[in-house]
């Protein structure tokens, strides 16, 4: 199990580390399913990549790692004194290292498609977000799952 955790951490950090030198980055926490740490890195003005590592409490319990390529500005609304609120979607993949129940020791994996909102705060440099993500597991059995989370990231 330790090797799987290390491999997952390396995958997450390698995805976060493949950026352009001028990209803005953000790190924080997400509450829901999963519950854990999140990071986001811009690729350009309209796209970014996010990643989460945390505890899954859904149909499969265990360590969840996912990463998503995001289309950040499907719709944007300017707010009164702060930054914009943006509707986003994306496509990515999810892994769950299952440590409970019938599939204990297996790895659930498959694609995920989120839809969410981000709200940017200028001072301090924060982004608040909430998302729903439909995930399809192709192993250990084919089924669908829903991730729901809210969180905050500090921009740097």
Protein backbone atom coordinates (compact mmCIF):
# COMPACT_ATOMS: atom_id res chain seq x y z
CA UNK A 1 0.00 0.00 0.00
CA UNK A 2 2.89 2.37 0.77
CA UNK A 3 4.24 1.99 -2.79
CA UNK A 4 0.81 2.91 -4.18
CA UNK A 5 0.66 6.04 -2.02
CA UNK A 6 4.15 7.10 -3.07
CA UNK A 7 3.31 6.46 -6.75
CA UNK A 8 0.12 8.50 -6.39
CA UNK A 9 1.96 11.40 -4.76
CA UNK A 10 4.60 11.38 -7.49
CA UNK A 11 1.87 11.38 -10.16
CA UNK A 12 0.08 14.29 -8.50
CA UNK A 13 3.20 16.41 -8.08
CA UNK A 14 4.43 15.64 -11.60
CA UNK A 15 1.09 16.83 -13.01
CA UNK A 16 1.34 20.00 -10.95
CA UNK A 17 4.96 20.49 -11.94
CA UNK A 18 4.46 20.42 -15.72
CA UNK A 19 3.71 24.10 -16.11
CA UNK A 20 4.93 27.11 -17.94
CA UNK A 21 7.23 29.29 -15.87
CA UNK A 22 4.72 32.18 -15.78
CA UNK A 23 1.70 30.08 -14.67
CA UNK A 24 -0.23 31.11 -11.60
CA UNK A 25 -0.70 28.43 -8.98
CA UNK A 26 -2.98 27.83 -6.04
CA UNK A 27 -3.08 25.30 -3.20
CA UNK A 28 -5.62 24.60 -0.51
CA UNK A 29 -8.19 22.19 0.86
CA UNK A 30 -11.37 20.56 -0.39
CA UNK A 31 -14.19 19.30 1.84
CA UNK A 32 -16.66 16.68 0.66
CA UNK A 33 -15.89 13.58 -1.33
CA UNK A 34 -12.93 13.59 -1.46
CA UNK A 35 -11.69 15.35 1.67
CA UNK A 36 -8.10 16.47 1.20
CA UNK A 37 -5.57 18.78 -0.39
CA UNK A 38 -6.00 20.47 -3.74
CA UNK A 39 -3.82 22.35 -6.17
CA UNK A 40 -4.49 24.22 -9.40
CA UNK A 41 -2.08 25.52 -11.98
CA UNK A 42 -2.93 27.69 -14.96
CA UNK A 43 -1.83 26.54 -18.40
CA UNK A 44 -2.95 29.74 -20.15
CA UNK A 45 -5.57 32.44 -19.56
CA UNK A 46 -8.53 30.10 -20.11
CA UNK A 47 -7.29 26.67 -19.01
CA UNK A 48 -5.75 25.08 -15.96
CA UNK A 49 -4.96 21.70 -14.43
CA UNK A 50 -6.12 20.75 -10.96
CA UNK A 51 -5.22 17.83 -8.73
CA UNK A 52 -6.54 16.48 -5.44
CA UNK A 53 -5.21 13.93 -3.00
CA UNK A 54 -7.48 12.94 -0.16
CA UNK A 55 -9.81 10.47 1.49
CA UNK A 56 -12.70 9.09 -0.54
CA UNK A 57 -15.85 8.37 1.43
CA UNK A 58 -18.07 7.41 -1.50
CA UNK A 59 -18.87 3.98 -2.87
CA UNK A 60 -15.17 3.08 -2.59
CA UNK A 61 -13.35 4.14 0.57
CA UNK A 62 -9.65 4.82 0.42
CA UNK A 63 -7.00 7.23 -0.86
CA UNK A 64 -8.28 9.18 -3.86
CA UNK A 65 -6.10 10.98 -6.37
CA UNK A 66 -7.51 12.81 -9.34
CA UNK A 67 -6.39 15.36 -11.86
CA UNK A 68 -8.45 17.32 -14.37
CA UNK A 69 -7.78 19.57 -17.36
CA UNK A 70 -10.16 22.51 -16.85
CA UNK A 71 -11.86 24.93 -19.20
CA UNK A 72 -11.96 27.77 -16.67
CA UNK A 73 -14.24 30.37 -18.23
CA UNK A 74 -17.28 28.76 -19.85
CA UNK A 75 -19.21 31.67 -18.37
CA UNK A 76 -17.89 34.55 -16.29
CA UNK A 77 -19.70 37.07 -14.08
CA UNK A 78 -18.08 40.20 -12.66
CA UNK A 79 -18.85 40.66 -8.98
CA UNK A 80 -19.14 44.00 -7.15
CA UNK A 81 -15.75 44.66 -5.55
CA UNK A 82 -13.91 41.36 -5.93
CA UNK A 83 -12.81 39.28 -8.87
CA UNK A 84 -15.01 37.28 -11.23
CA UNK A 85 -17.10 34.18 -10.65
CA UNK A 86 -16.42 31.59 -13.34
CA UNK A 87 -18.29 28.52 -14.47
CA UNK A 88 -15.89 25.73 -15.46
CA UNK A 89 -15.86 22.16 -16.69
CA UNK A 90 -13.14 19.73 -17.61
CA UNK A 91 -12.07 16.17 -18.20
CA UNK A 92 -9.64 14.07 -16.22
CA UNK A 93 -9.00 10.81 -14.42
CA UNK A 94 -9.47 9.47 -10.90
CA UNK A 95 -7.76 6.71 -8.91
CA UNK A 96 -8.99 5.32 -5.58
CA UNK A 97 -6.75 2.94 -3.66
CA UNK A 98 -9.54 0.98 -1.96
CA UNK A 99 -8.94 -0.05 1.66
CA UNK A 100 -12.41 -1.18 2.76
CA UNK A 101 -15.14 -3.64 1.83
CA UNK A 102 -15.43 -6.22 -0.90
CA UNK A 103 -12.72 -4.66 -3.11
CA UNK A 104 -10.15 -4.03 -0.34
CA UNK A 105 -6.69 -3.78 -1.93
CA UNK A 106 -8.00 -3.03 -5.44
CA UNK A 107 -7.68 0.23 -7.35
CA UNK A 108 -10.74 1.93 -8.82
CA UNK A 109 -9.95 4.11 -11.80
CA UNK A 110 -11.66 5.87 -14.65
CA UNK A 111 -12.52 9.21 -16.22
CA UNK A 112 -14.16 12.11 -14.40
CA UNK A 113 -15.99 15.17 -15.70
CA UNK A 114 -16.52 18.08 -13.27
CA UNK A 115 -18.76 21.13 -13.45
CA UNK A 116 -18.15 23.89 -10.93
CA UNK A 117 -17.89 27.54 -9.94
CA UNK A 118 -14.87 29.52 -8.79
CA UNK A 119 -15.03 32.87 -7.04
CA UNK A 120 -11.85 34.93 -6.98
CA UNK A 121 -10.99 37.19 -4.04
CA UNK A 122 -8.26 39.75 -4.70
CA UNK A 123 -7.08 40.53 -1.15
CA UNK A 124 -6.08 38.07 0.20
CA UNK A 125 -5.46 36.18 -3.03
CA UNK A 126 -7.96 33.34 -2.62
CA UNK A 127 -10.23 31.33 -4.84
CA UNK A 128 -13.34 29.67 -3.46
CA UNK A 129 -14.79 26.80 -5.46
CA UNK A 130 -17.51 24.20 -5.51
CA UNK A 131 -17.91 21.34 -7.95
CA UNK A 132 -19.87 18.25 -8.89
CA UNK A 133 -18.01 15.60 -10.86
CA UNK A 134 -19.39 12.54 -12.57
CA UNK A 135 -16.85 9.71 -12.46
CA UNK A 136 -17.05 6.40 -14.25
CA UNK A 137 -15.10 3.53 -12.73
CA UNK A 138 -13.82 0.96 -15.21
CA UNK A 139 -12.25 -1.21 -12.50
CA UNK A 140 -12.70 -3.08 -10.22
CA UNK A 141 -16.20 -3.04 -11.73
CA UNK A 142 -17.90 -0.73 -14.20
CA UNK A 143 -20.11 1.78 -12.41
CA UNK A 144 -20.66 5.51 -11.96
CA UNK A 145 -19.99 7.74 -8.98
CA UNK A 146 -20.47 11.38 -8.04
CA UNK A 147 -17.82 13.53 -6.34
CA UNK A 148 -19.05 16.68 -4.58
CA UNK A 149 -16.73 19.21 -2.98
CA UNK A 150 -16.26 22.77 -1.82
CA UNK A 151 -12.93 24.31 -1.06
CA UNK A 152 -10.54 27.20 -0.86
CA UNK A 153 -7.16 27.72 -2.49
CA UNK A 154 -4.49 30.31 -1.70
CA UNK A 155 -3.06 31.79 -4.91
CA UNK A 156 0.66 32.37 -5.24
